[in-house]
C-alpha atoms as a PDB file:
ATOM      1  CA  MET A   1     -14.345  -4.271 -12.020  1.00  0.00           C
ATOM      2  CA  GLN A   2     -13.911  -8.001 -11.236  1.00  0.00           C
ATOM      3  CA  GLN A   3     -12.396  -8.521 -14.565  1.00  0.00           C
ATOM      4  CA  GLN A   4      -9.679  -5.973 -14.423  1.00  0.00           C
ATOM      5  CA  TYR A   5      -8.654  -7.204 -11.007  1.00  0.00           C
ATOM      6  CA  GLU A   6      -8.159 -10.698 -12.350  1.00  0.00           C
ATOM      7  CA  ASN A   7      -6.018  -9.353 -15.276  1.00  0.00           C
ATOM      8  CA  ASN A   8      -3.600  -7.901 -12.696  1.00  0.00           C
ATOM      9  CA  LYS A   9      -3.023 -11.311 -11.201  1.00  0.00           C
ATOM     10  CA  PHE A  10       0.821 -11.976 -10.651  1.00  0.00           C
ATOM     11  CA  LEU A  11       2.154 -15.344 -11.691  1.00  0.00           C
ATOM     12  CA  THR A  12       5.180 -17.453 -11.218  1.00  0.00           C
ATOM     13  CA  ALA A  13       7.093 -18.900 -14.039  1.00  0.00           C
ATOM     14  CA  ARG A  14       5.656 -22.467 -13.259  1.00  0.00           C
ATOM     15  CA  GLU A  15       2.188 -20.793 -13.116  1.00  0.00           C
ATOM     16  CA  VAL A  16       2.887 -19.094 -16.636  1.00  0.00           C
ATOM     17  CA  ALA A  17       3.895 -22.556 -18.154  1.00  0.00           C
ATOM     18  CA  ASN A  18       1.018 -24.624 -16.569  1.00  0.00           C
ATOM     19  CA  GLU A  19      -2.093 -21.988 -16.649  1.00  0.00           C
ATOM     20  CA  PHE A  20      -1.209 -19.343 -19.042  1.00  0.00           C
ATOM     21  CA  PHE A  21       0.202 -21.655 -21.744  1.00  0.00           C
ATOM     22  CA  GLN A  22      -1.690 -24.629 -20.484  1.00  0.00           C
ATOM     23  CA  GLY A  23       1.176 -26.891 -20.330  1.00  0.00           C
ATOM     24  CA  LYS A  24       2.128 -26.393 -23.874  1.00  0.00           C
ATOM     25  CA  LEU A  25       5.295 -24.658 -22.958  1.00  0.00           C
ATOM     26  CA  HIS A  26       7.720 -26.312 -20.406  1.00  0.00           C
ATOM     27  CA  TYR A  27       8.658 -24.205 -17.414  1.00  0.00           C
ATOM     28  CA  GLN A  28      12.396 -24.176 -18.485  1.00  0.00           C
ATOM     29  CA  ARG A  29      11.223 -22.668 -21.890  1.00  0.00           C
ATOM     30  CA  VAL A  30       9.224 -19.997 -20.025  1.00  0.00           C
ATOM     31  CA  LEU A  31      12.296 -19.012 -18.094  1.00  0.00           C
ATOM     32  CA  LYS A  32      14.581 -19.022 -21.397  1.00  0.00           C
ATOM     33  CA  MET A  33      12.134 -16.621 -23.099  1.00  0.00           C
ATOM     34  CA  THR A  34      12.063 -14.591 -20.031  1.00  0.00           C
ATOM     35  CA  ARG A  35      15.957 -14.215 -19.986  1.00  0.00           C
ATOM     36  CA  GLU A  36      16.150 -13.410 -23.710  1.00  0.00           C
ATOM     37  CA  GLY A  37      13.493 -10.829 -22.993  1.00  0.00           C
ATOM     38  CA  GLU A  38      10.763 -12.246 -24.992  1.00  0.00           C
ATOM     39  CA  LEU A  39       8.289 -12.543 -22.136  1.00  0.00           C
ATOM     40  CA  PRO A  40       7.413  -9.449 -20.188  1.00  0.00           C
ATOM     41  CA  ALA A  41       8.411 -10.158 -16.537  1.00  0.00           C
ATOM     42  CA  VAL A  42      10.171  -8.319 -13.416  1.00  0.00           C
ATOM     43  CA  LYS A  43      12.821 -10.059 -11.767  1.00  0.00           C
ATOM     44  CA  ILE A  44      12.599 -10.034  -7.978  1.00  0.00           C
ATOM     45  CA  GLY A  45      15.448 -11.425  -6.226  1.00  0.00           C
ATOM     46  CA  ARG A  46      16.209 -14.672  -8.103  1.00  0.00           C
ATOM     47  CA  ALA A  47      12.710 -15.341  -9.222  1.00  0.00           C
ATOM     48  CA  TYR A  48      10.667 -13.794 -12.166  1.00  0.00           C
ATOM     49  CA  VAL A  49       7.097 -12.399 -11.607  1.00  0.00           C
ATOM     50  CA  TYR A  50       4.806 -12.188 -14.663  1.00  0.00           C
ATOM     51  CA  LEU A  51       1.772  -9.950 -14.530  1.00  0.00           C
ATOM     52  CA  LEU A  52      -1.460 -11.472 -16.429  1.00  0.00           C
ATOM     53  CA  SER A  53      -2.533  -8.443 -18.306  1.00  0.00           C
ATOM     54  CA  GLU A  54       1.057  -7.857 -19.541  1.00  0.00           C
ATOM     55  CA  LEU A  55       1.060 -11.553 -20.723  1.00  0.00           C
ATOM     56  CA  GLN A  56      -2.305 -11.004 -22.533  1.00  0.00           C
ATOM     57  CA  ALA A  57      -0.971  -7.966 -24.263  1.00  0.00           C
ATOM     58  CA  TRP A  58       1.971  -9.652 -25.306  1.00  0.00           C
ATOM     59  CA  THR A  59      -0.028 -12.588 -26.772  1.00  0.00           C
ATOM     60  CA  LYS A  60      -2.425 -10.072 -28.479  1.00  0.00           C
ATOM     61  CA  LYS A  61       0.576  -8.294 -29.988  1.00  0.00           C
ATOM     62  CA  LYS A  62       2.537 -11.421 -30.911  1.00  0.00           C
ATOM     63  CA  PHE A  63      -0.217 -13.465 -32.345  1.00  0.00           C
ATOM     64  CA  GLY A  64      -3.255 -11.117 -33.098  1.00  0.00           C
ATOM     65  CA  THR A  65      -2.106 -10.105 -36.476  1.00  0.00           C
ATOM     66  CA  PRO A  66      -0.997 -12.190 -39.289  1.00  0.00           C
ATOM     67  CA  ALA A  67       2.490 -11.764 -40.443  1.00  0.00           C
ATOM     68  CA  TRP A  68       1.382 -10.988 -43.960  1.00  0.00           C
ATOM     69  CA  THR A  69      -0.754  -8.098 -43.003  1.00  0.00           C
ATOM     70  CA  GLY A  70      -0.127  -5.216 -45.019  1.00  0.00           C
ATOM     71  CA  LYS A  71       2.043  -6.937 -47.535  1.00  0.00           C
ATOM     72  CA  SER A  72       1.294  -7.085 -51.225  1.00  0.00           C
ATOM     73  CA  PHE A  73       1.892 -10.039 -53.220  1.00  0.00           C
ATOM     74  CA  LYS A  74       2.496 -11.058 -56.989  1.00  0.00           C
ATOM     75  CA  TRP A  75       0.525 -13.953 -58.053  1.00  0.00           C
ATOM     76  CA  ALA A  76       2.220 -16.220 -60.765  1.00  0.00           C
ATOM     77  CA  ASN A  77      -0.251 -16.955 -63.678  1.00  0.00           C
END
């Protein structure tokens, strides 16, 4: 039950940049991706709020399956 609670944690854009992406994305990049609709977030007033479970689902969907899955290739001999 504790794991489910932790996955429903809310994060700020700075926390997403520093904690979720482990500092590999800058805060401004997180905001840009959010404004462009790439990252799942809810806007409350002037700030965005991110649900950890939604970010985890986005990561799994975005990076869980290689782009070439289900495609056939013809190999040159």
